[in-house]
Amino acid sequence: DALTTRGETVFRASGCTACHTVRGTDAMAQIGPDLTHVGSRSHIGAATLTNARETLMQWIAQADRVKPGVHMPAFRALASDDLTALAAYLGSLQ
């Protein structure tokens, strides 16, 4: 759908591909976790949060506050609409 497609664009434009792999795409980095099936996981952030759109948004925007010491940077500057779209895209990765 349009929201998921926009989320994929945000994923690429925000630099997520510099750290993460999504198999079947050109995102092939190996610094962060492989996100190929992140939508099917029950938890995210090393089991810190249940996997839902709202918690994905929280993790993306405030990873350092959710899990102090995490290596993932916080993306606080993402517009709310972009954050929602990005979480929808990640949730679709089954």
PDB file of N, CA and C in Angstrom:
ATOM      1  N   ASP A   1       0.835  -1.191   0.000  1.00  0.00           N
ATOM      2  CA  ASP A   1       0.000   0.000   0.000  1.00  0.00           C
ATOM      3  C   ASP A   1       0.877   1.250   0.000  1.00  0.00           C
ATOM      4  N   ALA A   2       0.278   2.398  -0.109  1.00  0.00           N
ATOM      5  CA  ALA A   2       1.019   3.650  -0.244  1.00  0.00           C
ATOM      6  C   ALA A   2       1.856   3.965   0.995  1.00  0.00           C
ATOM      7  N   LEU A   3       1.336   3.681   2.182  1.00  0.00           N
ATOM      8  CA  LEU A   3       2.071   3.977   3.407  1.00  0.00           C
ATOM      9  C   LEU A   3       3.337   3.121   3.502  1.00  0.00           C
ATOM     10  N   THR A   4       3.223   1.855   3.184  1.00  0.00           N
ATOM     11  CA  THR A   4       4.368   0.953   3.222  1.00  0.00           C
ATOM     12  C   THR A   4       5.402   1.344   2.172  1.00  0.00           C
ATOM     13  N   THR A   5       4.954   1.701   0.993  1.00  0.00           N
ATOM     14  CA  THR A   5       5.858   2.149  -0.066  1.00  0.00           C
ATOM     15  C   THR A   5       6.597   3.406   0.364  1.00  0.00           C
ATOM     16  N   ARG A   6       5.877   4.338   0.962  1.00  0.00           N
ATOM     17  CA  ARG A   6       6.522   5.552   1.478  1.00  0.00           C
ATOM     18  C   ARG A   6       7.533   5.188   2.565  1.00  0.00           C
ATOM     19  N   GLY A   7       7.189   4.231   3.415  1.00  0.00           N
ATOM     20  CA  GLY A   7       8.102   3.800   4.459  1.00  0.00           C
ATOM     21  C   GLY A   7       9.393   3.227   3.913  1.00  0.00           C
ATOM     22  N   GLU A   8       9.298   2.492   2.826  1.00  0.00           N
ATOM     23  CA  GLU A   8      10.512   1.967   2.195  1.00  0.00           C
ATOM     24  C   GLU A   8      11.381   3.110   1.687  1.00  0.00           C
ATOM     25  N   THR A   9      10.757   4.135   1.144  1.00  0.00           N
ATOM     26  CA  THR A   9      11.492   5.316   0.686  1.00  0.00           C
ATOM     27  C   THR A   9      12.177   6.006   1.858  1.00  0.00           C
ATOM     28  N   VAL A  10      11.476   6.138   2.970  1.00  0.00           N
ATOM     29  CA  VAL A  10      12.050   6.743   4.176  1.00  0.00           C
ATOM     30  C   VAL A  10      13.212   5.889   4.676  1.00  0.00           C
ATOM     31  N   PHE A  11      13.068   4.587   4.657  1.00  0.00           N
ATOM     32  CA  PHE A  11      14.125   3.655   5.068  1.00  0.00           C
ATOM     33  C   PHE A  11      15.403   3.939   4.288  1.00  0.00           C
ATOM     34  N   ARG A  12      15.277   4.094   3.002  1.00  0.00           N
ATOM     35  CA  ARG A  12      16.444   4.354   2.155  1.00  0.00           C
ATOM     36  C   ARG A  12      16.987   5.763   2.358  1.00  0.00           C
ATOM     37  N   ALA A  13      16.103   6.740   2.386  1.00  0.00           N
ATOM     38  CA  ALA A  13      16.521   8.148   2.477  1.00  0.00           C
ATOM     39  C   ALA A  13      17.107   8.505   3.837  1.00  0.00           C
ATOM     40  N   SER A  14      16.735   7.780   4.871  1.00  0.00           N
ATOM     41  CA  SER A  14      17.199   8.102   6.225  1.00  0.00           C
ATOM     42  C   SER A  14      18.507   7.411   6.586  1.00  0.00           C
ATOM     43  N   GLY A  15      19.035   6.633   5.678  1.00  0.00           N
ATOM     44  CA  GLY A  15      20.320   5.998   5.911  1.00  0.00           C
ATOM     45  C   GLY A  15      20.257   4.644   6.592  1.00  0.00           C
ATOM     46  N   CYS A  16      19.072   4.073   6.729  1.00  0.00           N
ATOM     47  CA  CYS A  16      18.934   2.775   7.393  1.00  0.00           C
ATOM     48  C   CYS A  16      19.716   1.687   6.671  1.00  0.00           C
ATOM     49  N   THR A  17      19.857   1.834   5.358  1.00  0.00           N
ATOM     50  CA  THR A  17      20.568   0.833   4.566  1.00  0.00           C
ATOM     51  C   THR A  17      22.068   0.842   4.848  1.00  0.00           C
ATOM     52  N   ALA A  18      22.567   1.853   5.541  1.00  0.00           N
ATOM     53  CA  ALA A  18      23.987   1.899   5.893  1.00  0.00           C
ATOM     54  C   ALA A  18      24.319   0.881   6.983  1.00  0.00           C
ATOM     55  N   CYS A  19      23.312   0.467   7.734  1.00  0.00           N
ATOM     56  CA  CYS A  19      23.543  -0.461   8.849  1.00  0.00           C
ATOM     57  C   CYS A  19      22.788  -1.779   8.735  1.00  0.00           C
ATOM     58  N   HIS A  20      21.649  -1.775   8.070  1.00  0.00           N
ATOM     59  CA  HIS A  20      20.760  -2.933   8.090  1.00  0.00           C
ATOM     60  C   HIS A  20      20.651  -3.628   6.738  1.00  0.00           C
ATOM     61  N   THR A  21      20.387  -4.925   6.801  1.00  0.00           N
ATOM     62  CA  THR A  21      20.085  -5.748   5.632  1.00  0.00           C
ATOM     63  C   THR A  21      18.587  -5.995   5.574  1.00  0.00           C
ATOM     64  N   VAL A  22      18.033  -5.955   4.384  1.00  0.00           N
ATOM     65  CA  VAL A  22      16.701  -6.476   4.093  1.00  0.00           C
ATOM     66  C   VAL A  22      16.904  -7.323   2.846  1.00  0.00           C
ATOM     67  N   ARG A  23      16.949  -8.637   3.044  1.00  0.00           N
ATOM     68  CA  ARG A  23      17.218  -9.530   1.923  1.00  0.00           C
ATOM     69  C   ARG A  23      16.186  -9.333   0.816  1.00  0.00           C
ATOM     70  N   GLY A  24      16.667  -9.422  -0.411  1.00  0.00           N
ATOM     71  CA  GLY A  24      15.810  -9.205  -1.565  1.00  0.00           C
ATOM     72  C   GLY A  24      15.791  -7.748  -2.013  1.00  0.00           C
ATOM     73  N   THR A  25      16.525  -6.881  -1.290  1.00  0.00           N
ATOM     74  CA  THR A  25      16.656  -5.477  -1.665  1.00  0.00           C
ATOM     75  C   THR A  25      18.140  -5.156  -1.761  1.00  0.00           C
ATOM     76  N   ASP A  26      18.447  -3.899  -2.048  1.00  0.00           N
ATOM     77  CA  ASP A  26      19.859  -3.508  -2.088  1.00  0.00           C
ATOM     78  C   ASP A  26      20.390  -3.110  -0.705  1.00  0.00           C
ATOM     79  N   ALA A  27      19.593  -3.237   0.341  1.00  0.00           N
ATOM     80  CA  ALA A  27      20.047  -2.994   1.716  1.00  0.00           C
ATOM     81  C   ALA A  27      20.814  -4.227   2.181  1.00  0.00           C
ATOM     82  N   MET A  28      22.139  -4.119   2.198  1.00  0.00           N
ATOM     83  CA  MET A  28      22.972  -5.291   2.465  1.00  0.00           C
ATOM     84  C   MET A  28      24.023  -5.045   3.544  1.00  0.00           C
ATOM     85  N   ALA A  29      23.858  -4.019   4.375  1.00  0.00           N
ATOM     86  CA  ALA A  29      24.846  -3.721   5.413  1.00  0.00           C
ATOM     87  C   ALA A  29      24.777  -4.759   6.525  1.00  0.00           C
ATOM     88  N   GLN A  30      25.848  -4.873   7.268  1.00  0.00           N
ATOM     89  CA  GLN A  30      25.906  -5.892   8.308  1.00  0.00           C
ATOM     90  C   GLN A  30      26.317  -5.323   9.664  1.00  0.00           C
ATOM     91  N   ILE A  31      26.104  -4.050   9.866  1.00  0.00           N
ATOM     92  CA  ILE A  31      26.441  -3.424  11.148  1.00  0.00           C
ATOM     93  C   ILE A  31      25.336  -3.693  12.171  1.00  0.00           C
ATOM     94  N   GLY A  32      24.106  -3.434  11.773  1.00  0.00           N
ATOM     95  CA  GLY A  32      22.956  -3.647  12.645  1.00  0.00           C
ATOM     96  C   GLY A  32      22.269  -4.957  12.311  1.00  0.00           C
ATOM     97  N   PRO A  33      21.207  -5.264  13.025  1.00  0.00           N
ATOM     98  CA  PRO A  33      20.485  -6.515  12.782  1.00  0.00           C
ATOM     99  C   PRO A  33      19.893  -6.593  11.367  1.00  0.00           C
ATOM    100  N   ASP A  34      19.769  -7.804  10.880  1.00  0.00           N
ATOM    101  CA  ASP A  34      19.080  -8.089   9.629  1.00  0.00           C
ATOM    102  C   ASP A  34      17.587  -7.879   9.886  1.00  0.00           C
ATOM    103  N   LEU A  35      16.970  -7.006   9.121  1.00  0.00           N
ATOM    104  CA  LEU A  35      15.560  -6.666   9.326  1.00  0.00           C
ATOM    105  C   LEU A  35      14.626  -7.381   8.359  1.00  0.00           C
ATOM    106  N   THR A  36      15.133  -8.367   7.644  1.00  0.00           N
ATOM    107  CA  THR A  36      14.350  -9.048   6.623  1.00  0.00           C
ATOM    108  C   THR A  36      12.991  -9.517   7.132  1.00  0.00           C
ATOM    109  N   HIS A  37      12.926 -10.051   8.323  1.00  0.00           N
ATOM    110  CA  HIS A  37      11.669 -10.570   8.871  1.00  0.00           C
ATOM    111  C   HIS A  37      11.274  -9.884  10.177  1.00  0.00           C
ATOM    112  N   VAL A  38      11.677  -8.630  10.333  1.00  0.00           N
ATOM    113  CA  VAL A  38      11.420  -7.938  11.603  1.00  0.00           C
ATOM    114  C   VAL A  38       9.932  -7.863  11.929  1.00  0.00           C
ATOM    115  N   GLY A  39       9.086  -7.800  10.926  1.00  0.00           N
ATOM    116  CA  GLY A  39       7.643  -7.724  11.163  1.00  0.00           C
ATOM    117  C   GLY A  39       7.061  -8.971  11.796  1.00  0.00           C
ATOM    118  N   SER A  40       7.745 -10.085  11.658  1.00  0.00           N
ATOM    119  CA  SER A  40       7.239 -11.339  12.229  1.00  0.00           C
ATOM    120  C   SER A  40       7.797 -11.626  13.627  1.00  0.00           C
ATOM    121  N   ARG A  41       8.671 -10.787  14.103  1.00  0.00           N
ATOM    122  CA  ARG A  41       9.234 -10.990  15.445  1.00  0.00           C
ATOM    123  C   ARG A  41       8.228 -10.560  16.510  1.00  0.00           C
ATOM    124  N   SER A  42       8.250 -11.226  17.636  1.00  0.00           N
ATOM    125  CA  SER A  42       7.333 -10.852  18.723  1.00  0.00           C
ATOM    126  C   SER A  42       7.846  -9.661  19.516  1.00  0.00           C
ATOM    127  N   HIS A  43       9.182  -9.460  19.514  1.00  0.00           N
ATOM    128  CA  HIS A  43       9.791  -8.361  20.258  1.00  0.00           C
ATOM    129  C   HIS A  43      10.875  -7.707  19.410  1.00  0.00           C
ATOM    130  N   ILE A  44      11.221  -6.487  19.759  1.00  0.00           N
ATOM    131  CA  ILE A  44      12.307  -5.761  19.095  1.00  0.00           C
ATOM    132  C   ILE A  44      13.239  -5.195  20.148  1.00  0.00           C
ATOM    133  N   GLY A  45      14.399  -4.718  19.713  1.00  0.00           N
ATOM    134  CA  GLY A  45      15.335  -4.112  20.641  1.00  0.00           C
ATOM    135  C   GLY A  45      15.866  -5.097  21.655  1.00  0.00           C
ATOM    136  N   ALA A  46      16.267  -6.277  21.189  1.00  0.00           N
ATOM    137  CA  ALA A  46      16.764  -7.344  22.070  1.00  0.00           C
ATOM    138  C   ALA A  46      15.744  -7.657  23.154  1.00  0.00           C
ATOM    139  N   ALA A  47      14.494  -7.817  22.727  1.00  0.00           N
ATOM    140  CA  ALA A  47      13.360  -8.175  23.597  1.00  0.00           C
ATOM    141  C   ALA A  47      12.989  -7.078  24.583  1.00  0.00           C
ATOM    142  N   THR A  48      13.362  -5.839  24.275  1.00  0.00           N
ATOM    143  CA  THR A  48      13.027  -4.711  25.134  1.00  0.00           C
ATOM    144  C   THR A  48      11.571  -4.289  24.973  1.00  0.00           C
ATOM    145  N   LEU A  49      11.039  -4.371  23.742  1.00  0.00           N
ATOM    146  CA  LEU A  49       9.682  -3.925  23.432  1.00  0.00           C
ATOM    147  C   LEU A  49       8.929  -4.994  22.659  1.00  0.00           C
ATOM    148  N   THR A  50       7.619  -5.066  22.867  1.00  0.00           N
ATOM    149  CA  THR A  50       6.806  -5.905  21.993  1.00  0.00           C
ATOM    150  C   THR A  50       6.790  -5.268  20.616  1.00  0.00           C
ATOM    151  N   ASN A  51       6.601  -6.069  19.607  1.00  0.00           N
ATOM    152  CA  ASN A  51       6.654  -5.589  18.234  1.00  0.00           C
ATOM    153  C   ASN A  51       5.266  -5.144  17.776  1.00  0.00           C
ATOM    154  N   ALA A  52       5.074  -3.844  17.733  1.00  0.00           N
ATOM    155  CA  ALA A  52       3.848  -3.224  17.231  1.00  0.00           C
ATOM    156  C   ALA A  52       4.250  -1.908  16.579  1.00  0.00           C
ATOM    157  N   ARG A  53       3.386  -1.349  15.759  1.00  0.00           N
ATOM    158  CA  ARG A  53       3.746  -0.118  15.051  1.00  0.00           C
ATOM    159  C   ARG A  53       4.169   0.983  16.023  1.00  0.00           C
ATOM    160  N   GLU A  54       3.439   1.152  17.105  1.00  0.00           N
ATOM    161  CA  GLU A  54       3.754   2.218  18.061  1.00  0.00           C
ATOM    162  C   GLU A  54       5.116   2.002  18.707  1.00  0.00           C
ATOM    163  N   THR A  55       5.435   0.763  19.038  1.00  0.00           N
ATOM    164  CA  THR A  55       6.727   0.509  19.671  1.00  0.00           C
ATOM    165  C   THR A  55       7.872   0.578  18.659  1.00  0.00           C
ATOM    166  N   LEU A  56       7.612   0.215  17.417  1.00  0.00           N
ATOM    167  CA  LEU A  56       8.618   0.420  16.370  1.00  0.00           C
ATOM    168  C   LEU A  56       8.925   1.902  16.237  1.00  0.00           C
ATOM    169  N   MET A  57       7.903   2.715  16.263  1.00  0.00           N
ATOM    170  CA  MET A  57       8.096   4.163  16.175  1.00  0.00           C
ATOM    171  C   MET A  57       8.907   4.665  17.362  1.00  0.00           C
ATOM    172  N   GLN A  58       8.583   4.186  18.544  1.00  0.00           N
ATOM    173  CA  GLN A  58       9.320   4.577  19.747  1.00  0.00           C
ATOM    174  C   GLN A  58      10.782   4.162  19.632  1.00  0.00           C
ATOM    175  N   TRP A  59      11.020   2.939  19.190  1.00  0.00           N
ATOM    176  CA  TRP A  59      12.382   2.440  19.047  1.00  0.00           C
ATOM    177  C   TRP A  59      13.172   3.270  18.045  1.00  0.00           C
ATOM    178  N   ILE A  60      12.593   3.561  16.896  1.00  0.00           N
ATOM    179  CA  ILE A  60      13.297   4.317  15.861  1.00  0.00           C
ATOM    180  C   ILE A  60      13.636   5.732  16.355  1.00  0.00           C
ATOM    181  N   ALA A  61      12.677   6.393  16.963  1.00  0.00           N
ATOM    182  CA  ALA A  61      12.871   7.784  17.373  1.00  0.00           C
ATOM    183  C   ALA A  61      13.695   7.935  18.644  1.00  0.00           C
ATOM    184  N   GLN A  62      13.647   6.929  19.528  1.00  0.00           N
ATOM    185  CA  GLN A  62      14.265   7.098  20.846  1.00  0.00           C
ATOM    186  C   GLN A  62      14.991   5.842  21.315  1.00  0.00           C
ATOM    187  N   ALA A  63      15.689   5.173  20.434  1.00  0.00           N
ATOM    188  CA  ALA A  63      16.351   3.922  20.814  1.00  0.00           C
ATOM    189  C   ALA A  63      17.251   4.102  22.032  1.00  0.00           C
ATOM    190  N   ASP A  64      17.937   5.230  22.112  1.00  0.00           N
ATOM    191  CA  ASP A  64      18.851   5.466  23.229  1.00  0.00           C
ATOM    192  C   ASP A  64      18.133   5.637  24.564  1.00  0.00           C
ATOM    193  N   ARG A  65      16.910   6.096  24.531  1.00  0.00           N
ATOM    194  CA  ARG A  65      16.121   6.246  25.758  1.00  0.00           C
ATOM    195  C   ARG A  65      15.454   4.928  26.156  1.00  0.00           C
ATOM    196  N   VAL A  66      15.085   4.150  25.145  1.00  0.00           N
ATOM    197  CA  VAL A  66      14.443   2.860  25.405  1.00  0.00           C
ATOM    198  C   VAL A  66      15.453   1.870  25.969  1.00  0.00           C
ATOM    199  N   LYS A  67      16.640   1.874  25.396  1.00  0.00           N
ATOM    200  CA  LYS A  67      17.677   0.924  25.809  1.00  0.00           C
ATOM    201  C   LYS A  67      19.023   1.660  25.873  1.00  0.00           C
ATOM    202  N   PRO A  68      19.330   2.273  27.014  1.00  0.00           N
ATOM    203  CA  PRO A  68      20.592   3.015  27.138  1.00  0.00           C
ATOM    204  C   PRO A  68      21.792   2.157  26.738  1.00  0.00           C
ATOM    205  N   GLY A  69      22.694   2.771  25.989  1.00  0.00           N
ATOM    206  CA  GLY A  69      23.887   2.075  25.526  1.00  0.00           C
ATOM    207  C   GLY A  69      23.739   1.411  24.175  1.00  0.00           C
ATOM    208  N   VAL A  70      22.535   1.435  23.608  1.00  0.00           N
ATOM    209  CA  VAL A  70      22.317   0.820  22.302  1.00  0.00           C
ATOM    210  C   VAL A  70      23.158   1.549  21.246  1.00  0.00           C
ATOM    211  N   HIS A  71      23.578   0.821  20.237  1.00  0.00           N
ATOM    212  CA  HIS A  71      24.401   1.407  19.180  1.00  0.00           C
ATOM    213  C   HIS A  71      23.581   2.136  18.123  1.00  0.00           C
ATOM    214  N   MET A  72      22.311   1.822  18.021  1.00  0.00           N
ATOM    215  CA  MET A  72      21.472   2.483  17.018  1.00  0.00           C
ATOM    216  C   MET A  72      21.243   3.939  17.404  1.00  0.00           C
ATOM    217  N   PRO A  73      21.473   4.853  16.460  1.00  0.00           N
ATOM    218  CA  PRO A  73      21.193   6.252  16.767  1.00  0.00           C
ATOM    219  C   PRO A  73      19.694   6.508  16.836  1.00  0.00           C
ATOM    220  N   ALA A  74      19.317   7.492  17.605  1.00  0.00           N
ATOM    221  CA  ALA A  74      17.910   7.901  17.673  1.00  0.00           C
ATOM    222  C   ALA A  74      17.610   8.798  16.471  1.00  0.00           C
ATOM    223  N   PHE A  75      16.463   8.608  15.875  1.00  0.00           N
ATOM    224  CA  PHE A  75      16.048   9.398  14.718  1.00  0.00           C
ATOM    225  C   PHE A  75      14.930  10.344  15.130  1.00  0.00           C
ATOM    226  N   ARG A  76      15.232  11.210  16.093  1.00  0.00           N
ATOM    227  CA  ARG A  76      14.246  12.157  16.623  1.00  0.00           C
ATOM    228  C   ARG A  76      13.789  13.179  15.593  1.00  0.00           C
ATOM    229  N   ALA A  77      14.615  13.453  14.598  1.00  0.00           N
ATOM    230  CA  ALA A  77      14.291  14.481  13.613  1.00  0.00           C
ATOM    231  C   ALA A  77      13.332  14.006  12.530  1.00  0.00           C
ATOM    232  N   LEU A  78      13.013  12.715  12.502  1.00  0.00           N
ATOM    233  CA  LEU A  78      12.064  12.235  11.497  1.00  0.00           C
ATOM    234  C   LEU A  78      10.695  12.847  11.735  1.00  0.00           C
ATOM    235  N   ALA A  79      10.093  13.330  10.670  1.00  0.00           N
ATOM    236  CA  ALA A  79       8.728  13.854  10.764  1.00  0.00           C
ATOM    237  C   ALA A  79       7.787  12.732  11.187  1.00  0.00           C
ATOM    238  N   SER A  80       6.754  13.077  11.881  1.00  0.00           N
ATOM    239  CA  SER A  80       5.795  12.094  12.394  1.00  0.00           C
ATOM    240  C   SER A  80       5.247  11.202  11.277  1.00  0.00           C
ATOM    241  N   ASP A  81       4.906  11.794  10.149  1.00  0.00           N
ATOM    242  CA  ASP A  81       4.382  11.020   9.019  1.00  0.00           C
ATOM    243  C   ASP A  81       5.425  10.040   8.482  1.00  0.00           C
ATOM    244  N   ASP A  82       6.685  10.479   8.435  1.00  0.00           N
ATOM    245  CA  ASP A  82       7.753   9.601   7.972  1.00  0.00           C
ATOM    246  C   ASP A  82       7.987   8.468   8.960  1.00  0.00           C
ATOM    247  N   LEU A  83       7.926   8.775  10.242  1.00  0.00           N
ATOM    248  CA  LEU A  83       8.104   7.762  11.270  1.00  0.00           C
ATOM    249  C   LEU A  83       7.001   6.704  11.196  1.00  0.00           C
ATOM    250  N   THR A  84       5.780   7.154  11.001  1.00  0.00           N
ATOM    251  CA  THR A  84       4.652   6.232  10.853  1.00  0.00           C
ATOM    252  C   THR A  84       4.836   5.339   9.630  1.00  0.00           C
ATOM    253  N   ALA A  85       5.245   5.942   8.516  1.00  0.00           N
ATOM    254  CA  ALA A  85       5.456   5.174   7.282  1.00  0.00           C
ATOM    255  C   ALA A  85       6.599   4.173   7.446  1.00  0.00           C
ATOM    256  N   LEU A  86       7.678   4.594   8.079  1.00  0.00           N
ATOM    257  CA  LEU A  86       8.811   3.702   8.291  1.00  0.00           C
ATOM    258  C   LEU A  86       8.414   2.512   9.161  1.00  0.00           C
ATOM    259  N   ALA A  87       7.664   2.761  10.208  1.00  0.00           N
ATOM    260  CA  ALA A  87       7.198   1.668  11.070  1.00  0.00           C
ATOM    261  C   ALA A  87       6.265   0.732  10.305  1.00  0.00           C
ATOM    262  N   ALA A  88       5.438   1.271   9.425  1.00  0.00           N
ATOM    263  CA  ALA A  88       4.548   0.435   8.611  1.00  0.00           C
ATOM    264  C   ALA A  88       5.372  -0.452   7.683  1.00  0.00           C
ATOM    265  N   TYR A  89       6.409   0.106   7.075  1.00  0.00           N
ATOM    266  CA  TYR A  89       7.269  -0.688   6.199  1.00  0.00           C
ATOM    267  C   TYR A  89       7.958  -1.808   6.975  1.00  0.00           C
ATOM    268  N   LEU A  90       8.559  -1.465   8.106  1.00  0.00           N
ATOM    269  CA  LEU A  90       9.232  -2.488   8.906  1.00  0.00           C
ATOM    270  C   LEU A  90       8.260  -3.568   9.368  1.00  0.00           C
ATOM    271  N   GLY A  91       7.066  -3.170   9.749  1.00  0.00           N
ATOM    272  CA  GLY A  91       6.055  -4.133  10.158  1.00  0.00           C
ATOM    273  C   GLY A  91       5.621  -5.061   9.040  1.00  0.00           C
ATOM    274  N   SER A  92       5.778  -4.600   7.823  1.00  0.00           N
ATOM    275  CA  SER A  92       5.381  -5.425   6.669  1.00  0.00           C
ATOM    276  C   SER A  92       6.425  -6.467   6.295  1.00  0.00           C
ATOM    277  N   LEU A  93       7.611  -6.368   6.862  1.00  0.00           N
ATOM    278  CA  LEU A  93       8.693  -7.290   6.515  1.00  0.00           C
ATOM    279  C   LEU A  93       8.490  -8.602   7.252  1.00  0.00           C
ATOM    280  N   GLN A  94       7.849  -9.510   6.597  1.00  0.00           N
ATOM    281  CA  GLN A  94       7.510 -10.800   7.173  1.00  0.00           C
ATOM    282  C   GLN A  94       8.448 -11.850   6.673  1.00  0.00           C
TER     283      GLN A  94
END
